[in-house]
Amino acid sequence: MLKLVIGNKRYSSWSMRPWILMKVFEVPFEEILVPLYRAESKPALLAHSPAGKAPILKDGALTVWESLAIIEHVADLFPDRAIWPRDPAARAHARALACEMHAGFSALRNECSMNFGRAARPVPISDGALADAERIDAAWRDALSSYGGPFLFGAFSAADAMFAPVVQRLDNYMIPVSEPSRRYMETVKTLPAWAEWRAAARGEAWRLPQFERE
């Protein structure tokens, strides 16, 4: 069975991406949770991957680290499941958005940390973070308009998994988005996998003061 090594559900946005994808597509896996930001965290992660970061996928003797690489490997393992859209043009569009998420939006990610235990409230954000949110909103509107919703490419796909932590951030920090994007966010939040992650995250005892003050 596949093994997915993840960090705290409360804070680890990169861990959430492959986790929610595998849950939605009913890919069986064993979860191994390594609490982050402790003295023992790095050695524990290095025992699974030379990169020493979560998430990590263990597929027998094969180790795959980094969220998007894990998603691609899972898609290769389960070609019968439309992890990426079947249509070539839609698939290229979905991959472009996933890569943009992977490489970009640093201001928003740095200023609005994912915290599933945080009470929803706005905070002042920089022009850079606001520009990130506006670009995400525009990208979502374009995909929803082009492919009809309710997810970015019609059915749930890897692109939605890559943006799942962003849904939490925009919602939790009460950052304004357009009505189509708001409907999309509400759709993502109705996923049973979302509810499962959120419940586990809120039940975690480990807290990081620097995130809880935000």
N, C-alpha and C. Protein backbone atom coordinates (compact mmCIF):
# COMPACT_ATOMS: atom_id res chain seq x y z
N MET A 1 0.84 -1.21 0.00
CA MET A 1 0.00 0.00 0.00
C MET A 1 0.87 1.25 0.00
N LEU A 2 0.40 2.28 -0.67
CA LEU A 2 1.09 3.57 -0.64
C LEU A 2 1.11 4.13 0.78
N LYS A 3 2.18 4.82 1.10
CA LYS A 3 2.28 5.50 2.39
C LYS A 3 2.53 6.98 2.13
N LEU A 4 1.73 7.84 2.75
CA LEU A 4 1.86 9.28 2.59
C LEU A 4 2.30 9.89 3.91
N VAL A 5 3.48 10.47 3.91
CA VAL A 5 4.02 11.13 5.09
C VAL A 5 3.62 12.60 5.01
N ILE A 6 2.95 13.08 6.03
CA ILE A 6 2.46 14.46 6.03
C ILE A 6 2.85 15.17 7.31
N GLY A 7 2.75 16.50 7.29
CA GLY A 7 2.94 17.30 8.48
C GLY A 7 1.60 17.56 9.15
N ASN A 8 1.61 18.44 10.15
CA ASN A 8 0.41 18.76 10.90
C ASN A 8 -0.72 19.18 9.96
N LYS A 9 -1.90 18.61 10.17
CA LYS A 9 -3.05 19.00 9.33
C LYS A 9 -3.47 20.45 9.61
N ARG A 10 -3.19 20.92 10.78
CA ARG A 10 -3.56 22.29 11.13
C ARG A 10 -2.83 23.31 10.26
N TYR A 11 -1.55 23.03 9.95
CA TYR A 11 -0.71 24.03 9.30
C TYR A 11 -0.13 23.64 7.94
N SER A 12 -0.01 22.36 7.65
CA SER A 12 0.80 21.93 6.50
C SER A 12 0.00 21.96 5.20
N SER A 13 0.04 23.09 4.52
CA SER A 13 -0.70 23.25 3.28
C SER A 13 -0.19 22.32 2.18
N TRP A 14 1.12 22.13 2.11
CA TRP A 14 1.67 21.26 1.06
C TRP A 14 1.26 19.82 1.27
N SER A 15 1.13 19.40 2.53
CA SER A 15 0.66 18.05 2.81
C SER A 15 -0.79 17.86 2.40
N MET A 16 -1.59 18.91 2.57
CA MET A 16 -3.01 18.80 2.26
C MET A 16 -3.26 18.48 0.79
N ARG A 17 -2.41 18.98 -0.09
CA ARG A 17 -2.67 18.86 -1.53
C ARG A 17 -2.75 17.40 -2.00
N PRO A 18 -1.70 16.58 -1.83
CA PRO A 18 -1.84 15.20 -2.26
C PRO A 18 -2.82 14.41 -1.40
N TRP A 19 -2.92 14.75 -0.11
CA TRP A 19 -3.82 14.03 0.79
C TRP A 19 -5.26 14.15 0.31
N ILE A 20 -5.72 15.38 0.03
CA ILE A 20 -7.12 15.56 -0.36
C ILE A 20 -7.37 14.95 -1.73
N LEU A 21 -6.38 15.01 -2.61
CA LEU A 21 -6.54 14.38 -3.93
C LEU A 21 -6.73 12.87 -3.79
N MET A 22 -5.89 12.24 -2.99
CA MET A 22 -5.98 10.79 -2.84
C MET A 22 -7.27 10.37 -2.15
N LYS A 23 -7.75 11.19 -1.22
CA LYS A 23 -9.02 10.90 -0.57
C LYS A 23 -10.18 11.01 -1.55
N VAL A 24 -10.22 12.09 -2.31
CA VAL A 24 -11.34 12.30 -3.24
C VAL A 24 -11.37 11.20 -4.30
N PHE A 25 -10.21 10.79 -4.79
CA PHE A 25 -10.15 9.76 -5.82
C PHE A 25 -10.07 8.34 -5.25
N GLU A 26 -10.26 8.22 -3.95
CA GLU A 26 -10.34 6.92 -3.28
C GLU A 26 -9.11 6.06 -3.57
N VAL A 27 -7.95 6.69 -3.49
CA VAL A 27 -6.68 5.99 -3.61
C VAL A 27 -6.30 5.50 -2.22
N PRO A 28 -6.18 4.21 -2.00
CA PRO A 28 -5.86 3.72 -0.66
C PRO A 28 -4.42 4.06 -0.27
N PHE A 29 -4.25 4.52 0.95
CA PHE A 29 -2.90 4.82 1.45
C PHE A 29 -2.89 4.80 2.97
N GLU A 30 -1.70 4.58 3.48
CA GLU A 30 -1.47 4.67 4.91
C GLU A 30 -0.91 6.05 5.22
N GLU A 31 -1.49 6.72 6.19
CA GLU A 31 -1.03 8.06 6.58
C GLU A 31 -0.01 7.98 7.70
N ILE A 32 1.09 8.68 7.51
CA ILE A 32 2.11 8.80 8.56
C ILE A 32 2.28 10.28 8.86
N LEU A 33 1.89 10.70 10.05
CA LEU A 33 1.93 12.13 10.40
C LEU A 33 3.17 12.41 11.23
N VAL A 34 3.97 13.36 10.76
CA VAL A 34 5.15 13.82 11.49
C VAL A 34 4.91 15.27 11.92
N PRO A 35 4.70 15.53 13.19
CA PRO A 35 4.51 16.93 13.63
C PRO A 35 5.72 17.78 13.25
N LEU A 36 5.45 18.94 12.69
CA LEU A 36 6.51 19.82 12.21
C LEU A 36 6.94 20.81 13.29
N TYR A 37 8.08 21.46 13.02
CA TYR A 37 8.59 22.54 13.88
C TYR A 37 8.98 22.06 15.28
N ARG A 38 9.38 20.80 15.39
CA ARG A 38 9.93 20.28 16.63
C ARG A 38 11.38 19.88 16.39
N ALA A 39 12.13 19.69 17.45
CA ALA A 39 13.53 19.31 17.31
C ALA A 39 13.67 17.98 16.57
N GLU A 40 12.70 17.10 16.79
CA GLU A 40 12.79 15.78 16.18
C GLU A 40 12.16 15.70 14.78
N SER A 41 11.57 16.80 14.32
CA SER A 41 10.85 16.76 13.04
C SER A 41 11.78 16.47 11.86
N LYS A 42 12.88 17.19 11.76
CA LYS A 42 13.78 17.03 10.62
C LYS A 42 14.35 15.61 10.55
N PRO A 43 14.90 15.08 11.65
CA PRO A 43 15.40 13.70 11.57
C PRO A 43 14.31 12.70 11.18
N ALA A 44 13.09 12.91 11.67
CA ALA A 44 12.00 12.00 11.33
C ALA A 44 11.69 12.05 9.84
N LEU A 45 11.69 13.25 9.27
CA LEU A 45 11.42 13.38 7.84
C LEU A 45 12.58 12.87 7.00
N LEU A 46 13.80 13.11 7.45
CA LEU A 46 14.97 12.61 6.72
C LEU A 46 15.01 11.09 6.69
N ALA A 47 14.37 10.46 7.64
CA ALA A 47 14.29 9.00 7.62
C ALA A 47 13.43 8.49 6.47
N HIS A 48 12.60 9.38 5.93
CA HIS A 48 11.72 9.01 4.81
C HIS A 48 12.19 9.56 3.47
N SER A 49 12.89 10.70 3.48
CA SER A 49 13.27 11.35 2.23
C SER A 49 14.52 12.20 2.43
N PRO A 50 15.42 12.23 1.44
CA PRO A 50 16.62 13.06 1.58
C PRO A 50 16.31 14.55 1.57
N ALA A 51 15.13 14.94 1.10
CA ALA A 51 14.76 16.35 1.11
C ALA A 51 14.39 16.82 2.51
N GLY A 52 13.93 15.90 3.35
CA GLY A 52 13.61 16.24 4.73
C GLY A 52 12.43 17.15 4.90
N LYS A 53 11.48 17.09 3.96
CA LYS A 53 10.28 17.93 4.04
C LYS A 53 9.05 17.09 3.75
N ALA A 54 7.90 17.51 4.29
CA ALA A 54 6.63 16.86 4.00
C ALA A 54 5.91 17.66 2.91
N PRO A 55 5.15 16.93 2.07
CA PRO A 55 4.79 15.52 2.13
C PRO A 55 5.79 14.63 1.38
N ILE A 56 5.67 13.34 1.65
CA ILE A 56 6.50 12.32 1.02
C ILE A 56 5.60 11.13 0.71
N LEU A 57 5.72 10.58 -0.49
CA LEU A 57 4.98 9.38 -0.85
C LEU A 57 5.95 8.22 -0.93
N LYS A 58 5.60 7.13 -0.24
CA LYS A 58 6.38 5.90 -0.28
C LYS A 58 5.60 4.87 -1.09
N ASP A 59 6.17 4.46 -2.21
CA ASP A 59 5.55 3.47 -3.08
C ASP A 59 6.52 2.29 -3.18
N GLY A 60 6.44 1.38 -2.23
CA GLY A 60 7.41 0.30 -2.16
C GLY A 60 8.79 0.87 -1.93
N ALA A 61 9.73 0.52 -2.83
CA ALA A 61 11.10 1.02 -2.70
C ALA A 61 11.25 2.44 -3.23
N LEU A 62 10.22 2.94 -3.88
CA LEU A 62 10.28 4.28 -4.49
C LEU A 62 9.83 5.35 -3.50
N THR A 63 10.58 6.43 -3.43
CA THR A 63 10.22 7.59 -2.63
C THR A 63 9.99 8.78 -3.55
N VAL A 64 8.84 9.42 -3.40
CA VAL A 64 8.52 10.62 -4.18
C VAL A 64 8.24 11.74 -3.19
N TRP A 65 8.96 12.84 -3.31
CA TRP A 65 8.71 13.98 -2.42
C TRP A 65 8.27 15.16 -3.28
N GLU A 66 7.64 16.11 -2.63
CA GLU A 66 7.13 17.33 -3.26
C GLU A 66 5.71 17.08 -3.79
N SER A 67 4.82 17.98 -3.44
CA SER A 67 3.38 17.77 -3.65
C SER A 67 2.99 17.48 -5.09
N LEU A 68 3.44 18.31 -6.01
CA LEU A 68 3.02 18.14 -7.40
C LEU A 68 3.60 16.87 -8.00
N ALA A 69 4.83 16.53 -7.64
CA ALA A 69 5.43 15.27 -8.12
C ALA A 69 4.64 14.07 -7.59
N ILE A 70 4.19 14.14 -6.35
CA ILE A 70 3.38 13.07 -5.78
C ILE A 70 2.07 12.93 -6.56
N ILE A 71 1.43 14.05 -6.83
CA ILE A 71 0.17 14.03 -7.58
C ILE A 71 0.38 13.41 -8.96
N GLU A 72 1.45 13.80 -9.63
CA GLU A 72 1.72 13.23 -10.96
C GLU A 72 1.96 11.72 -10.87
N HIS A 73 2.67 11.27 -9.84
CA HIS A 73 2.92 9.84 -9.70
C HIS A 73 1.62 9.08 -9.43
N VAL A 74 0.77 9.64 -8.59
CA VAL A 74 -0.52 9.00 -8.33
C VAL A 74 -1.35 8.92 -9.61
N ALA A 75 -1.31 9.99 -10.41
CA ALA A 75 -2.03 9.98 -11.69
C ALA A 75 -1.50 8.88 -12.61
N ASP A 76 -0.20 8.66 -12.60
CA ASP A 76 0.39 7.58 -13.41
C ASP A 76 -0.04 6.21 -12.90
N LEU A 77 -0.14 6.07 -11.58
CA LEU A 77 -0.52 4.78 -10.99
C LEU A 77 -1.98 4.43 -11.25
N PHE A 78 -2.82 5.45 -11.37
CA PHE A 78 -4.27 5.23 -11.51
C PHE A 78 -4.79 5.95 -12.75
N PRO A 79 -4.41 5.48 -13.94
CA PRO A 79 -4.83 6.16 -15.17
C PRO A 79 -6.33 6.07 -15.43
N ASP A 80 -7.02 5.16 -14.74
CA ASP A 80 -8.46 5.04 -14.91
C ASP A 80 -9.22 6.16 -14.21
N ARG A 81 -8.55 6.91 -13.37
CA ARG A 81 -9.20 7.98 -12.63
C ARG A 81 -8.75 9.32 -13.23
N ALA A 82 -9.71 10.19 -13.47
CA ALA A 82 -9.42 11.46 -14.16
C ALA A 82 -8.81 12.46 -13.18
N ILE A 83 -7.61 12.14 -12.72
CA ILE A 83 -6.92 13.03 -11.80
C ILE A 83 -6.57 14.34 -12.50
N TRP A 84 -6.20 14.26 -13.76
CA TRP A 84 -6.12 15.43 -14.64
C TRP A 84 -7.26 15.33 -15.64
N PRO A 85 -7.77 16.45 -16.15
CA PRO A 85 -8.86 16.38 -17.13
C PRO A 85 -8.48 15.51 -18.34
N ARG A 86 -9.46 14.82 -18.89
CA ARG A 86 -9.21 13.94 -20.03
C ARG A 86 -8.91 14.72 -21.30
N ASP A 87 -9.60 15.83 -21.48
CA ASP A 87 -9.40 16.64 -22.68
C ASP A 87 -8.00 17.25 -22.67
N PRO A 88 -7.23 17.11 -23.77
CA PRO A 88 -5.85 17.61 -23.77
C PRO A 88 -5.72 19.10 -23.48
N ALA A 89 -6.63 19.90 -24.06
CA ALA A 89 -6.55 21.34 -23.83
C ALA A 89 -6.86 21.69 -22.37
N ALA A 90 -7.89 21.04 -21.83
CA ALA A 90 -8.23 21.28 -20.42
C ALA A 90 -7.10 20.78 -19.51
N ARG A 91 -6.50 19.65 -19.88
CA ARG A 91 -5.40 19.11 -19.08
C ARG A 91 -4.20 20.06 -19.07
N ALA A 92 -3.88 20.63 -20.21
CA ALA A 92 -2.78 21.59 -20.27
C ALA A 92 -3.09 22.82 -19.43
N HIS A 93 -4.33 23.29 -19.50
CA HIS A 93 -4.76 24.45 -18.71
C HIS A 93 -4.66 24.13 -17.21
N ALA A 94 -5.13 22.93 -16.82
CA ALA A 94 -5.08 22.54 -15.42
C ALA A 94 -3.65 22.44 -14.92
N ARG A 95 -2.76 21.90 -15.74
CA ARG A 95 -1.36 21.79 -15.33
C ARG A 95 -0.72 23.17 -15.21
N ALA A 96 -1.08 24.08 -16.10
CA ALA A 96 -0.53 25.44 -16.03
C ALA A 96 -0.95 26.10 -14.72
N LEU A 97 -2.23 25.95 -14.34
CA LEU A 97 -2.69 26.55 -13.09
C LEU A 97 -2.02 25.89 -11.88
N ALA A 98 -1.88 24.56 -11.93
CA ALA A 98 -1.24 23.86 -10.82
C ALA A 98 0.21 24.31 -10.66
N CYS A 99 0.91 24.48 -11.76
CA CYS A 99 2.30 24.93 -11.69
C CYS A 99 2.39 26.38 -11.24
N GLU A 100 1.44 27.21 -11.68
CA GLU A 100 1.43 28.60 -11.22
C GLU A 100 1.23 28.65 -9.70
N MET A 101 0.35 27.81 -9.20
CA MET A 101 0.14 27.75 -7.75
C MET A 101 1.40 27.27 -7.06
N HIS A 102 2.02 26.27 -7.62
CA HIS A 102 3.21 25.68 -7.01
C HIS A 102 4.35 26.69 -6.89
N ALA A 103 4.52 27.51 -7.91
CA ALA A 103 5.68 28.40 -7.98
C ALA A 103 5.40 29.82 -7.51
N GLY A 104 4.12 30.20 -7.39
CA GLY A 104 3.82 31.60 -7.19
C GLY A 104 3.04 31.92 -5.92
N PHE A 105 2.52 33.14 -5.89
CA PHE A 105 1.66 33.63 -4.82
C PHE A 105 2.36 33.63 -3.47
N SER A 106 3.65 33.95 -3.47
CA SER A 106 4.43 33.88 -2.24
C SER A 106 3.98 34.91 -1.21
N ALA A 107 3.57 36.09 -1.67
CA ALA A 107 3.14 37.11 -0.71
C ALA A 107 1.92 36.64 0.07
N LEU A 108 0.94 36.11 -0.65
CA LEU A 108 -0.27 35.63 0.02
C LEU A 108 0.05 34.48 0.96
N ARG A 109 0.88 33.56 0.52
CA ARG A 109 1.22 32.40 1.35
C ARG A 109 2.01 32.81 2.60
N ASN A 110 2.90 33.79 2.44
CA ASN A 110 3.71 34.23 3.58
C ASN A 110 2.90 35.03 4.60
N GLU A 111 1.97 35.81 4.11
CA GLU A 111 1.22 36.69 5.00
C GLU A 111 -0.02 36.04 5.59
N CYS A 112 -0.54 35.02 4.93
CA CYS A 112 -1.78 34.38 5.37
C CYS A 112 -1.54 32.88 5.50
N SER A 113 -0.87 32.49 6.56
CA SER A 113 -0.54 31.10 6.78
C SER A 113 -1.81 30.26 6.93
N MET A 114 -1.76 29.03 6.44
CA MET A 114 -2.90 28.13 6.63
C MET A 114 -2.96 27.71 8.08
N ASN A 115 -4.14 27.85 8.67
CA ASN A 115 -4.36 27.44 10.05
C ASN A 115 -5.83 27.07 10.19
N PHE A 116 -6.10 25.77 10.20
CA PHE A 116 -7.49 25.31 10.25
C PHE A 116 -8.12 25.52 11.62
N GLY A 117 -7.35 25.92 12.61
CA GLY A 117 -7.92 26.19 13.92
C GLY A 117 -8.18 27.66 14.19
N ARG A 118 -7.79 28.49 13.25
CA ARG A 118 -7.89 29.94 13.44
C ARG A 118 -9.32 30.42 13.20
N ALA A 119 -9.83 31.29 14.08
CA ALA A 119 -11.14 31.89 13.85
C ALA A 119 -11.06 32.82 12.65
N ALA A 120 -12.04 32.77 11.78
CA ALA A 120 -12.03 33.60 10.58
C ALA A 120 -12.10 35.07 10.95
N ARG A 121 -11.15 35.83 10.45
CA ARG A 121 -11.14 37.28 10.66
C ARG A 121 -10.15 37.88 9.67
N PRO A 122 -10.40 39.10 9.23
CA PRO A 122 -9.49 39.74 8.28
C PRO A 122 -8.25 40.28 8.98
N VAL A 123 -7.19 40.43 8.22
CA VAL A 123 -5.97 41.10 8.68
C VAL A 123 -5.50 42.02 7.56
N PRO A 124 -4.77 43.07 7.88
CA PRO A 124 -4.21 43.90 6.81
C PRO A 124 -3.22 43.07 6.00
N ILE A 125 -3.29 43.18 4.67
CA ILE A 125 -2.34 42.48 3.82
C ILE A 125 -1.70 43.47 2.85
N SER A 126 -0.54 43.11 2.35
CA SER A 126 0.21 43.99 1.46
C SER A 126 -0.43 44.05 0.07
N ASP A 127 0.03 45.02 -0.72
CA ASP A 127 -0.44 45.10 -2.10
C ASP A 127 -0.05 43.84 -2.88
N GLY A 128 1.10 43.26 -2.54
CA GLY A 128 1.52 42.05 -3.21
C GLY A 128 0.60 40.88 -2.93
N ALA A 129 0.20 40.73 -1.68
CA ALA A 129 -0.72 39.66 -1.31
C ALA A 129 -2.10 39.88 -1.95
N LEU A 130 -2.53 41.13 -1.98
CA LEU A 130 -3.81 41.44 -2.62
C LEU A 130 -3.75 41.14 -4.12
N ALA A 131 -2.63 41.46 -4.75
CA ALA A 131 -2.47 41.15 -6.18
C ALA A 131 -2.49 39.64 -6.41
N ASP A 132 -1.90 38.88 -5.49
CA ASP A 132 -1.95 37.42 -5.59
C ASP A 132 -3.40 36.93 -5.55
N ALA A 133 -4.16 37.46 -4.59
CA ALA A 133 -5.56 37.04 -4.45
C ALA A 133 -6.37 37.41 -5.69
N GLU A 134 -6.09 38.57 -6.25
CA GLU A 134 -6.82 38.99 -7.44
C GLU A 134 -6.49 38.11 -8.63
N ARG A 135 -5.23 37.71 -8.75
CA ARG A 135 -4.85 36.81 -9.85
C ARG A 135 -5.51 35.44 -9.69
N ILE A 136 -5.53 34.93 -8.46
CA ILE A 136 -6.19 33.65 -8.20
C ILE A 136 -7.68 33.74 -8.54
N ASP A 137 -8.31 34.81 -8.12
CA ASP A 137 -9.73 35.01 -8.42
C ASP A 137 -9.96 35.02 -9.93
N ALA A 138 -9.13 35.73 -10.66
CA ALA A 138 -9.28 35.80 -12.11
C ALA A 138 -9.06 34.44 -12.76
N ALA A 139 -8.06 33.70 -12.29
CA ALA A 139 -7.79 32.37 -12.85
C ALA A 139 -8.94 31.42 -12.58
N TRP A 140 -9.48 31.48 -11.39
CA TRP A 140 -10.63 30.63 -11.07
C TRP A 140 -11.83 30.99 -11.94
N ARG A 141 -12.13 32.27 -12.07
CA ARG A 141 -13.28 32.69 -12.87
C ARG A 141 -13.14 32.21 -14.31
N ASP A 142 -11.94 32.33 -14.84
CA ASP A 142 -11.70 31.90 -16.22
C ASP A 142 -11.96 30.41 -16.38
N ALA A 143 -11.42 29.60 -15.48
CA ALA A 143 -11.61 28.16 -15.59
C ALA A 143 -13.07 27.78 -15.38
N LEU A 144 -13.71 28.37 -14.39
CA LEU A 144 -15.11 28.05 -14.12
C LEU A 144 -16.00 28.43 -15.30
N SER A 145 -15.71 29.56 -15.92
CA SER A 145 -16.47 29.98 -17.09
C SER A 145 -16.22 29.08 -18.29
N SER A 146 -14.98 28.66 -18.45
CA SER A 146 -14.61 27.87 -19.63
C SER A 146 -15.12 26.44 -19.55
N TYR A 147 -15.17 25.87 -18.33
CA TYR A 147 -15.48 24.45 -18.20
C TYR A 147 -16.77 24.17 -17.44
N GLY A 148 -17.46 25.21 -17.01
CA GLY A 148 -18.81 25.04 -16.50
C GLY A 148 -18.96 24.72 -15.03
N GLY A 149 -17.84 24.55 -14.31
CA GLY A 149 -17.92 24.26 -12.87
C GLY A 149 -18.54 22.89 -12.61
N PRO A 150 -18.82 22.55 -11.35
CA PRO A 150 -18.64 23.40 -10.17
C PRO A 150 -17.19 23.50 -9.69
N PHE A 151 -16.33 22.52 -10.14
CA PHE A 151 -14.91 22.62 -9.85
C PHE A 151 -14.23 23.32 -11.03
N LEU A 152 -12.95 23.57 -10.93
CA LEU A 152 -12.27 24.40 -11.93
C LEU A 152 -12.38 23.84 -13.33
N PHE A 153 -12.35 22.51 -13.45
CA PHE A 153 -12.41 21.89 -14.78
C PHE A 153 -13.60 20.94 -14.86
N GLY A 154 -14.69 21.34 -14.26
CA GLY A 154 -15.90 20.54 -14.25
C GLY A 154 -15.92 19.63 -13.04
N ALA A 155 -15.29 18.48 -13.15
CA ALA A 155 -15.15 17.57 -12.02
C ALA A 155 -13.89 17.90 -11.22
N PHE A 156 -13.84 17.44 -9.99
CA PHE A 156 -12.66 17.64 -9.16
C PHE A 156 -11.43 17.05 -9.85
N SER A 157 -10.32 17.79 -9.81
CA SER A 157 -9.08 17.34 -10.45
C SER A 157 -7.89 17.77 -9.61
N ALA A 158 -6.70 17.43 -10.10
CA ALA A 158 -5.47 17.82 -9.42
C ALA A 158 -5.37 19.33 -9.24
N ALA A 159 -5.91 20.09 -10.17
CA ALA A 159 -5.86 21.55 -10.03
C ALA A 159 -6.60 22.00 -8.78
N ASP A 160 -7.74 21.40 -8.50
CA ASP A 160 -8.49 21.76 -7.29
C ASP A 160 -7.72 21.36 -6.04
N ALA A 161 -7.05 20.21 -6.09
CA ALA A 161 -6.24 19.79 -4.95
C ALA A 161 -5.13 20.78 -4.68
N MET A 162 -4.50 21.29 -5.73
CA MET A 162 -3.42 22.25 -5.55
C MET A 162 -3.92 23.56 -4.93
N PHE A 163 -5.17 23.92 -5.21
CA PHE A 163 -5.71 25.18 -4.69
C PHE A 163 -6.49 25.02 -3.39
N ALA A 164 -6.65 23.79 -2.90
CA ALA A 164 -7.46 23.59 -1.70
C ALA A 164 -6.98 24.42 -0.51
N PRO A 165 -5.66 24.48 -0.22
CA PRO A 165 -5.23 25.33 0.91
C PRO A 165 -5.49 26.81 0.67
N VAL A 166 -5.51 27.22 -0.60
CA VAL A 166 -5.80 28.62 -0.92
C VAL A 166 -7.26 28.94 -0.60
N VAL A 167 -8.13 27.98 -0.85
CA VAL A 167 -9.54 28.15 -0.47
C VAL A 167 -9.62 28.45 1.02
N GLN A 168 -8.89 27.68 1.82
CA GLN A 168 -8.92 27.90 3.27
C GLN A 168 -8.37 29.28 3.62
N ARG A 169 -7.29 29.67 2.98
CA ARG A 169 -6.67 30.97 3.30
C ARG A 169 -7.62 32.12 2.95
N LEU A 170 -8.15 32.12 1.75
CA LEU A 170 -9.03 33.22 1.34
C LEU A 170 -10.26 33.28 2.23
N ASP A 171 -10.78 32.12 2.61
CA ASP A 171 -11.95 32.06 3.46
C ASP A 171 -11.61 32.51 4.88
N ASN A 172 -10.51 32.00 5.41
CA ASN A 172 -10.16 32.23 6.81
C ASN A 172 -9.74 33.68 7.07
N TYR A 173 -9.09 34.30 6.11
CA TYR A 173 -8.66 35.69 6.27
C TYR A 173 -9.67 36.67 5.66
N MET A 174 -10.79 36.12 5.20
CA MET A 174 -11.92 36.92 4.70
C MET A 174 -11.49 37.88 3.59
N ILE A 175 -10.69 37.35 2.66
CA ILE A 175 -10.22 38.14 1.53
C ILE A 175 -11.30 38.14 0.45
N PRO A 176 -11.74 39.31 -0.01
CA PRO A 176 -12.85 39.36 -0.96
C PRO A 176 -12.51 38.69 -2.29
N VAL A 177 -13.48 37.94 -2.82
CA VAL A 177 -13.37 37.33 -4.14
C VAL A 177 -14.70 37.53 -4.86
N SER A 178 -14.71 37.26 -6.15
CA SER A 178 -15.93 37.38 -6.94
C SER A 178 -16.94 36.31 -6.55
N GLU A 179 -18.16 36.50 -6.96
CA GLU A 179 -19.21 35.54 -6.63
C GLU A 179 -18.93 34.15 -7.22
N PRO A 180 -18.48 34.03 -8.48
CA PRO A 180 -18.16 32.69 -8.98
C PRO A 180 -17.08 32.00 -8.15
N SER A 181 -16.06 32.74 -7.74
CA SER A 181 -15.01 32.15 -6.92
C SER A 181 -15.53 31.77 -5.54
N ARG A 182 -16.41 32.58 -4.98
CA ARG A 182 -17.00 32.26 -3.68
C ARG A 182 -17.81 30.97 -3.78
N ARG A 183 -18.60 30.80 -4.85
CA ARG A 183 -19.36 29.56 -5.02
C ARG A 183 -18.42 28.36 -5.16
N TYR A 184 -17.33 28.56 -5.88
CA TYR A 184 -16.35 27.49 -6.02
C TYR A 184 -15.76 27.12 -4.66
N MET A 185 -15.41 28.10 -3.86
CA MET A 185 -14.86 27.83 -2.54
C MET A 185 -15.84 27.05 -1.68
N GLU A 186 -17.10 27.42 -1.73
CA GLU A 186 -18.11 26.71 -0.95
C GLU A 186 -18.26 25.27 -1.43
N THR A 187 -18.11 25.05 -2.74
CA THR A 187 -18.17 23.70 -3.29
C THR A 187 -17.02 22.85 -2.75
N VAL A 188 -15.81 23.40 -2.76
CA VAL A 188 -14.65 22.67 -2.24
C VAL A 188 -14.87 22.32 -0.77
N LYS A 189 -15.44 23.23 -0.02
CA LYS A 189 -15.63 23.02 1.41
C LYS A 189 -16.71 21.98 1.73
N THR A 190 -17.52 21.61 0.73
CA THR A 190 -18.52 20.56 0.96
C THR A 190 -17.95 19.16 0.76
N LEU A 191 -16.72 19.03 0.28
CA LEU A 191 -16.13 17.71 0.06
C LEU A 191 -15.99 16.98 1.40
N PRO A 192 -16.38 15.71 1.47
CA PRO A 192 -16.14 14.94 2.70
C PRO A 192 -14.67 14.92 3.10
N ALA A 193 -13.77 14.89 2.13
CA ALA A 193 -12.34 14.89 2.44
C ALA A 193 -11.93 16.19 3.12
N TRP A 194 -12.51 17.30 2.70
CA TRP A 194 -12.24 18.59 3.35
C TRP A 194 -12.68 18.53 4.82
N ALA A 195 -13.89 18.03 5.04
CA ALA A 195 -14.41 17.95 6.40
C ALA A 195 -13.55 17.03 7.26
N GLU A 196 -13.07 15.93 6.68
CA GLU A 196 -12.22 15.00 7.43
C GLU A 196 -10.91 15.66 7.83
N TRP A 197 -10.28 16.37 6.89
CA TRP A 197 -9.02 17.06 7.18
C TRP A 197 -9.24 18.13 8.25
N ARG A 198 -10.30 18.92 8.09
CA ARG A 198 -10.58 20.01 9.03
C ARG A 198 -10.81 19.48 10.44
N ALA A 199 -11.58 18.40 10.56
CA ALA A 199 -11.85 17.85 11.89
C ALA A 199 -10.58 17.35 12.55
N ALA A 200 -9.74 16.68 11.79
CA ALA A 200 -8.47 16.19 12.35
C ALA A 200 -7.56 17.35 12.72
N ALA A 201 -7.53 18.38 11.87
CA ALA A 201 -6.68 19.55 12.13
C ALA A 201 -7.09 20.24 13.42
N ARG A 202 -8.37 20.39 13.61
CA ARG A 202 -8.85 21.09 14.81
C ARG A 202 -8.65 20.25 16.07
N GLY A 203 -8.49 18.94 15.90
CA GLY A 203 -8.28 18.07 17.04
C GLY A 203 -6.83 17.91 17.43
N GLU A 204 -5.91 18.46 16.65
CA GLU A 204 -4.49 18.33 16.97
C GLU A 204 -4.14 19.18 18.20
N ALA A 205 -3.36 18.60 19.09
CA ALA A 205 -2.98 19.30 20.32
C ALA A 205 -1.81 20.25 20.12
N TRP A 206 -0.96 19.96 19.13
CA TRP A 206 0.26 20.75 18.93
C TRP A 206 -0.08 22.11 18.36
N ARG A 207 0.38 23.18 18.99
CA ARG A 207 0.11 24.55 18.56
C ARG A 207 1.43 25.29 18.35
N LEU A 208 1.44 26.17 17.38
CA LEU A 208 2.60 27.01 17.12
C LEU A 208 2.22 28.46 17.39
N PRO A 209 2.77 29.07 18.43
CA PRO A 209 2.36 30.43 18.81
C PRO A 209 2.47 31.44 17.68
N GLN A 210 3.50 31.30 16.82
CA GLN A 210 3.68 32.28 15.76
C GLN A 210 2.55 32.25 14.75
N PHE A 211 1.89 31.10 14.58
CA PHE A 211 0.74 31.01 13.68
C PHE A 211 -0.56 31.36 14.38
N GLU A 212 -0.65 31.02 15.65
CA GLU A 212 -1.88 31.25 16.37
C GLU A 212 -2.13 32.72 16.66
N ARG A 213 -1.08 33.53 16.63
CA ARG A 213 -1.25 34.97 16.88
C ARG A 213 -1.77 35.71 15.66
N GLU A 214 -1.67 35.11 14.48
CA GLU A 214 -2.02 35.82 13.25
C GLU A 214 -3.51 36.12 13.18
